[in-house]
Amino acid sequence: MGVAYRSDLAEVRRLLHQAVLACELVAKEPAPLATVTRLGDFGVSFVVAFQARDYTEAGLVRSAVNEEIYRRLAEARIGVPVLTGRIIPEPARSAGSA
């Protein structure tokens, strides 16, 4: 996941860690880990590593953690990089030009 460059990285790491710990289906050991993995063109990328208490519920656990991460980042007003584009129309051509 990525956050905007203006974000406080220590705060992001704290929120990610708290979001993982808030999910009761996450194993306490090994401890969850949030690390910066890349300084990209549009933002700073993190990876959040954790284990589900029951591997058969890993998909549900990932979903629950992602929803909690989303909620906490939104509450903290931490921006997520969004690639946007701008369309600039070509100037109008006269009827006689090709």
Protein backbone atom coordinates (compact mmCIF):
# COMPACT_ATOMS: atom_id res chain seq x y z
CA MET A 1 0.00 0.00 0.00
CA GLY A 2 1.16 3.52 -0.57
CA VAL A 3 0.83 6.92 1.08
CA ALA A 4 1.52 10.44 -0.13
CA TYR A 5 5.03 11.84 0.31
CA ARG A 6 3.77 14.53 2.69
CA SER A 7 2.70 11.82 5.17
CA ASP A 8 4.38 11.35 8.55
CA LEU A 9 5.92 7.90 8.03
CA ALA A 10 6.22 7.13 11.73
CA GLU A 11 2.50 7.90 12.14
CA VAL A 12 1.63 5.72 9.14
CA ARG A 13 3.67 2.84 10.55
CA ARG A 14 1.94 3.25 13.94
CA LEU A 15 -1.53 3.26 12.35
CA LEU A 16 -0.74 0.20 10.24
CA HIS A 17 0.51 -1.67 13.30
CA GLN A 18 -2.56 -0.69 15.32
CA ALA A 19 -4.88 -1.74 12.50
CA VAL A 20 -3.35 -5.21 12.41
CA LEU A 21 -3.50 -5.61 16.18
CA ALA A 22 -7.16 -4.54 16.18
CA CYS A 23 -8.09 -7.67 14.24
CA GLU A 24 -8.74 -10.53 16.67
CA LEU A 25 -8.00 -13.12 13.97
CA VAL A 26 -4.36 -12.02 13.63
CA ALA A 27 -1.75 -14.10 15.46
CA LYS A 28 0.17 -12.19 18.14
CA GLU A 29 3.39 -14.08 17.33
CA PRO A 30 5.29 -13.41 15.24
CA ALA A 31 4.55 -9.75 15.84
CA PRO A 32 3.08 -7.82 12.90
CA LEU A 33 5.51 -5.67 10.95
CA ALA A 34 5.02 -2.58 8.78
CA THR A 35 8.00 -1.48 6.70
CA VAL A 36 8.75 1.02 3.95
CA THR A 37 9.50 -0.94 0.79
CA ARG A 38 9.78 1.70 -1.90
CA LEU A 39 10.02 5.39 -2.60
CA GLY A 40 7.96 5.46 -5.76
CA ASP A 41 7.15 8.10 -8.33
CA PHE A 42 3.88 9.03 -6.61
CA GLY A 43 4.26 7.97 -2.98
CA VAL A 44 5.90 5.88 -0.29
CA SER A 45 5.05 2.16 -0.37
CA PHE A 46 4.62 0.03 2.74
CA VAL A 47 4.17 -3.67 3.22
CA VAL A 48 2.30 -4.98 6.25
CA ALA A 49 3.24 -8.49 7.34
CA PHE A 50 1.23 -10.59 9.79
CA GLN A 51 -0.07 -14.10 10.23
CA ALA A 52 -3.62 -15.30 10.67
CA ARG A 53 -4.29 -17.37 13.77
CA ASP A 54 -5.99 -19.90 11.51
CA TYR A 55 -4.54 -20.20 8.00
CA THR A 56 -7.91 -21.31 6.62
CA GLU A 57 -9.21 -17.80 7.38
CA ALA A 58 -6.26 -15.94 5.86
CA GLY A 59 -8.40 -14.26 3.18
CA LEU A 60 -10.94 -13.02 5.70
CA VAL A 61 -8.18 -11.78 7.97
CA ARG A 62 -6.49 -9.88 5.13
CA SER A 63 -9.81 -8.27 4.22
CA ALA A 64 -10.54 -7.27 7.83
CA VAL A 65 -7.05 -5.79 8.25
CA ASN A 66 -7.29 -3.88 4.96
CA GLU A 67 -10.64 -2.40 5.96
CA GLU A 68 -9.22 -1.34 9.32
CA ILE A 69 -6.16 0.19 7.63
CA TYR A 70 -8.44 2.12 5.28
CA ARG A 71 -10.56 3.39 8.17
CA ARG A 72 -7.60 4.50 10.27
CA LEU A 73 -5.80 6.24 7.40
CA ALA A 74 -9.02 8.05 6.43
CA GLU A 75 -9.62 9.18 10.02
CA ALA A 76 -6.04 10.47 10.24
CA ARG A 77 -6.48 12.22 6.86
CA ILE A 78 -3.44 10.45 5.45
CA GLY A 79 -3.51 10.70 1.69
CA VAL A 80 -3.08 7.81 -0.67
CA PRO A 81 -1.36 8.62 -3.96
CA VAL A 82 -3.76 8.70 -6.88
CA LEU A 83 -2.46 8.95 -10.41
CA THR A 84 -4.39 11.59 -12.28
CA GLY A 85 -4.15 12.78 -15.84
CA ARG A 86 -4.95 15.98 -17.63
CA ILE A 87 -6.23 16.07 -21.18
CA ILE A 88 -5.08 19.06 -23.18
CA PRO A 89 -7.00 19.37 -26.43
CA GLU A 90 -5.09 20.18 -29.58
CA PRO A 91 -5.76 23.61 -31.01
CA ALA A 92 -8.50 23.70 -33.64
CA ARG A 93 -7.21 23.42 -37.17
CA SER A 94 -8.48 25.59 -39.97
CA ALA A 95 -10.33 23.90 -42.84
CA GLY A 96 -7.45 24.37 -45.28
CA SER A 97 -4.67 22.84 -43.12
CA ALA A 98 -3.84 19.16 -42.98
